Amino acid sequence: LKLDSTTLDQLFNSARTHNAWQDKAVSDSLLAELHDLMKWGPTSANCWPLRTVFVKSPEAKARLVPLLMEGNRGKTLAAPVTALLGMDMAFYDELPRLFPHADAKSWFVGNDALISATAFRNSSLQGAYFMLAARALGLDCGPMSGFDTAAVDAEFFKNTQIKTNFICNLGYGDAAQLFPRSPRPKFAEVCKII
C-alpha cells in the first residue's frame, strides 16, 4: 500500500532539518510514543544497539552544550529536546532475549571488529528510524555530528559500554528561519540498475 502524498511530504518531500525552534514543549509521553513507533525498524539479528538519552532539563543542557561545536550550541539550547543517540557496544548480551532462535551472542563474543561495525551500522539505521518516527508524530529534527564524542560519552554514558553515534535536536521547528533547501542528486547521478 503506497502512502498518500501528504504523508510522504511530512516524512520526506517537505521535511527539513531544523536549526531554529518554537518555544513549545515536547512531552515525555510523546517521546515514549516515538520510541514505541521506531522500535519496529529492522536491525541485523534484531541486535538493537541503540540507546537514547533525552536531554530536556536546563541542568542537563548546561552539561551538554559546552561539549558541542560552537555552531551547534545556540540551536541546542533553543531545542525543547536533544536526543543523544548512542550505541551499546555490549548489545550482544541481549541477543539471547532479542534473537532467541539462534546462538547469536556467540557470533560477537571476542570479535571486536564485528561488534564495532554492527553497533555503528545498526544504531545509524535506528537513528534514521528515530527521525522518521519523530516526523510521523509531528516533530521536527535537527541531527548533528559536531561534538566532542569522548566528552559526551564521559558525561552522559559514564561507566557503560555505550558510545555516542550522533545527536538530534527535536521539537517544533521555526519554518520562518529555514534557509533555501540544498539540492539532492538525481537518480542517474548516484544510482544504476544492473
Protein backbone atom coordinates (compact mmCIF):
# COMPACT_ATOMS: atom_id res chain seq x y z
CA LEU A 1 0.00 0.00 0.00
CA LYS A 2 1.58 3.23 -1.14
CA LEU A 3 1.34 6.08 1.36
CA ASP A 4 -0.60 9.19 0.38
CA SER A 5 1.24 12.28 -0.82
CA THR A 6 0.52 14.23 2.38
CA THR A 7 2.24 11.56 4.46
CA LEU A 8 5.17 11.34 2.05
CA ASP A 9 5.53 15.11 2.21
CA GLN A 10 5.62 15.04 6.04
CA LEU A 11 8.22 12.28 6.13
CA PHE A 12 10.38 13.27 3.15
CA ASN A 13 9.39 15.76 0.46
CA SER A 14 8.63 18.75 2.68
CA ALA A 15 10.56 17.71 5.78
CA ARG A 16 13.57 19.83 6.62
CA THR A 17 16.49 19.84 9.02
CA HIS A 18 15.67 22.50 11.61
CA ASN A 19 18.09 24.78 13.42
CA ALA A 20 15.58 27.19 14.98
CA TRP A 21 12.80 26.14 17.31
CA GLN A 22 9.43 27.33 18.53
CA ASP A 23 9.08 27.73 22.28
CA LYS A 24 6.80 24.71 22.53
CA ALA A 25 7.41 21.80 24.88
CA VAL A 26 7.69 18.16 23.86
CA SER A 27 6.00 15.87 26.37
CA ASP A 28 7.64 12.81 27.87
CA SER A 29 4.66 10.77 26.66
CA LEU A 30 5.36 11.85 23.07
CA LEU A 31 8.99 10.75 23.45
CA ALA A 32 7.76 7.36 24.68
CA GLU A 33 5.40 7.19 21.69
CA LEU A 34 8.34 7.99 19.40
CA HIS A 35 10.27 5.05 20.86
CA ASP A 36 7.28 2.73 20.58
CA LEU A 37 6.98 3.56 16.89
CA MET A 38 10.64 3.48 15.86
CA LYS A 39 11.42 0.25 17.73
CA TRP A 40 9.89 -1.82 14.92
CA GLY A 41 12.53 -0.81 12.36
CA PRO A 42 14.70 -3.80 11.41
CA THR A 43 18.23 -4.38 12.65
CA SER A 44 20.51 -7.29 11.79
CA ALA A 45 19.65 -10.28 14.00
CA ASN A 46 17.37 -7.90 15.92
CA CYS A 47 20.54 -6.71 17.66
CA TRP A 48 19.04 -3.36 18.75
CA PRO A 49 22.22 -1.46 19.80
CA LEU A 50 20.57 1.98 20.05
CA ARG A 51 20.44 3.63 23.46
CA THR A 52 18.91 7.09 23.80
CA VAL A 53 19.23 9.83 26.38
CA PHE A 54 16.68 12.64 26.00
CA VAL A 55 18.25 15.85 27.29
CA LYS A 56 15.47 18.24 28.35
CA SER A 57 16.25 19.94 31.64
CA PRO A 58 18.25 23.18 31.79
CA GLU A 59 20.76 21.40 34.05
CA ALA A 60 21.35 18.61 31.54
CA LYS A 61 21.54 21.10 28.65
CA ALA A 62 24.19 23.03 30.60
CA ARG A 63 26.25 19.83 30.82
CA LEU A 64 25.85 19.10 27.09
CA VAL A 65 26.28 22.47 25.39
CA PRO A 66 29.99 23.02 26.21
CA LEU A 67 30.74 19.67 24.54
CA LEU A 68 29.31 20.82 21.19
CA MET A 69 30.98 22.74 18.41
CA GLU A 70 30.26 26.46 18.70
CA GLY A 71 27.80 26.42 15.77
CA ASN A 72 25.66 23.76 17.44
CA ARG A 73 25.35 25.39 20.86
CA GLY A 74 22.65 28.01 20.35
CA LYS A 75 20.28 25.75 18.43
CA THR A 76 20.70 23.01 21.03
CA LEU A 77 19.90 25.41 23.87
CA ALA A 78 16.78 26.51 22.00
CA ALA A 79 15.58 23.00 21.13
CA PRO A 80 13.00 21.55 23.54
CA VAL A 81 14.77 18.17 23.48
CA THR A 82 18.18 16.93 22.42
CA ALA A 83 18.46 13.19 21.86
CA LEU A 84 21.83 11.57 22.39
CA LEU A 85 21.73 8.53 20.12
CA GLY A 86 24.25 6.04 21.43
CA MET A 87 25.32 2.53 20.53
CA ASP A 88 25.71 -0.12 23.17
CA MET A 89 28.96 -1.93 22.42
CA ALA A 90 27.70 -4.82 24.57
CA PHE A 91 24.44 -5.13 22.61
CA TYR A 92 25.13 -8.81 22.01
CA ASP A 93 24.50 -9.58 25.70
CA GLU A 94 20.79 -9.05 24.94
CA LEU A 95 20.70 -11.35 21.91
CA PRO A 96 19.56 -14.45 23.82
CA ARG A 97 16.36 -12.48 24.58
CA LEU A 98 16.06 -10.44 21.37
CA PHE A 99 17.09 -13.19 18.91
CA PRO A 100 16.29 -16.41 20.81
CA HIS A 101 16.14 -18.83 17.88
CA ALA A 102 19.93 -18.87 17.35
CA ASP A 103 23.08 -18.55 19.46
CA ALA A 104 23.71 -15.10 18.01
CA LYS A 105 25.68 -13.89 21.03
CA SER A 106 28.47 -16.33 20.15
CA TRP A 107 28.88 -14.60 16.77
CA PHE A 108 30.12 -11.46 18.52
CA VAL A 109 31.94 -12.50 21.69
CA GLY A 110 35.64 -11.67 21.23
CA ASN A 111 35.14 -10.22 17.72
CA ASP A 112 35.70 -6.50 18.30
CA ALA A 113 35.66 -5.61 14.60
CA LEU A 114 32.27 -7.25 14.10
CA ILE A 115 30.90 -5.68 17.30
CA SER A 116 32.02 -2.21 16.25
CA ALA A 117 30.72 -2.49 12.67
CA THR A 118 27.40 -3.98 13.76
CA ALA A 119 26.82 -1.45 16.52
CA PHE A 120 27.60 1.51 14.27
CA ARG A 121 25.65 0.27 11.24
CA ASN A 122 22.56 -0.71 13.15
CA SER A 123 22.43 2.24 15.55
CA SER A 124 22.75 4.51 12.48
CA LEU A 125 19.79 2.71 10.90
CA GLN A 126 17.88 3.09 14.13
CA GLY A 127 18.73 6.79 14.20
CA ALA A 128 17.09 7.13 10.78
CA TYR A 129 14.00 5.25 12.01
CA PHE A 130 14.03 7.56 15.03
CA MET A 131 13.91 10.69 12.84
CA LEU A 132 11.19 9.27 10.59
CA ALA A 133 9.12 8.31 13.64
CA ALA A 134 9.62 11.81 15.05
CA ARG A 135 8.43 13.35 11.80
CA ALA A 136 5.48 10.95 11.65
CA LEU A 137 4.43 12.22 15.11
CA GLY A 138 4.64 15.87 14.04
CA LEU A 139 8.07 16.68 15.42
CA ASP A 140 10.94 18.28 13.54
CA CYS A 141 14.54 17.08 13.69
CA GLY A 142 17.96 18.68 13.67
CA PRO A 143 20.60 15.93 13.52
CA MET A 144 24.22 16.88 14.27
CA SER A 145 27.65 15.36 14.41
CA GLY A 146 29.63 18.39 15.57
CA PHE A 147 30.52 17.45 19.15
CA ASP A 148 33.32 16.01 21.26
CA THR A 149 32.35 12.33 21.22
CA ALA A 150 34.68 11.26 24.03
CA ALA A 151 33.46 14.09 26.25
CA VAL A 152 29.78 13.33 25.60
CA ASP A 153 30.43 9.65 26.32
CA ALA A 154 32.19 10.53 29.58
CA GLU A 155 29.45 12.96 30.66
CA PHE A 156 26.34 11.01 29.71
CA PHE A 157 27.38 7.36 29.30
CA LYS A 158 29.99 7.08 32.08
CA ASN A 159 30.65 3.56 33.35
CA THR A 160 28.72 1.97 30.47
CA GLN A 161 29.60 0.28 27.20
CA ILE A 162 27.66 2.97 25.30
CA LYS A 163 29.32 5.30 22.79
CA THR A 164 27.60 8.25 21.15
CA ASN A 165 26.77 7.85 17.46
CA PHE A 166 25.10 11.22 16.78
CA ILE A 167 22.90 13.87 18.35
CA CYS A 168 19.46 15.05 17.21
CA ASN A 169 17.55 18.10 18.36
CA LEU A 170 13.78 17.59 18.50
CA GLY A 171 10.84 19.93 18.73
CA TYR A 172 8.65 22.09 16.57
CA GLY A 173 10.82 23.90 14.09
CA ASP A 174 10.52 27.58 13.22
CA ALA A 175 9.91 27.39 9.47
CA ALA A 176 10.49 31.15 9.12
CA GLN A 177 14.16 30.56 10.00
CA LEU A 178 14.78 27.91 7.30
CA PHE A 179 17.24 28.75 4.56
CA PRO A 180 16.64 27.55 0.97
CA ARG A 181 16.73 23.79 0.61
CA SER A 182 20.04 22.35 -0.53
CA PRO A 183 20.00 20.29 -3.74
CA ARG A 184 20.00 16.50 -3.84
CA PRO A 185 21.50 14.31 -6.58
CA LYS A 186 19.29 12.92 -9.33
CA PHE A 187 18.73 9.19 -9.69
CA ALA A 188 21.06 8.85 -12.68
CA GLU A 189 23.89 10.63 -10.84
CA VAL A 190 24.10 8.18 -7.96
CA CYS A 191 22.15 5.05 -8.92
CA LYS A 192 22.28 2.36 -11.55
CA ILE A 193 20.15 -0.68 -12.24
CA ILE A 194 22.11 -3.72 -13.45
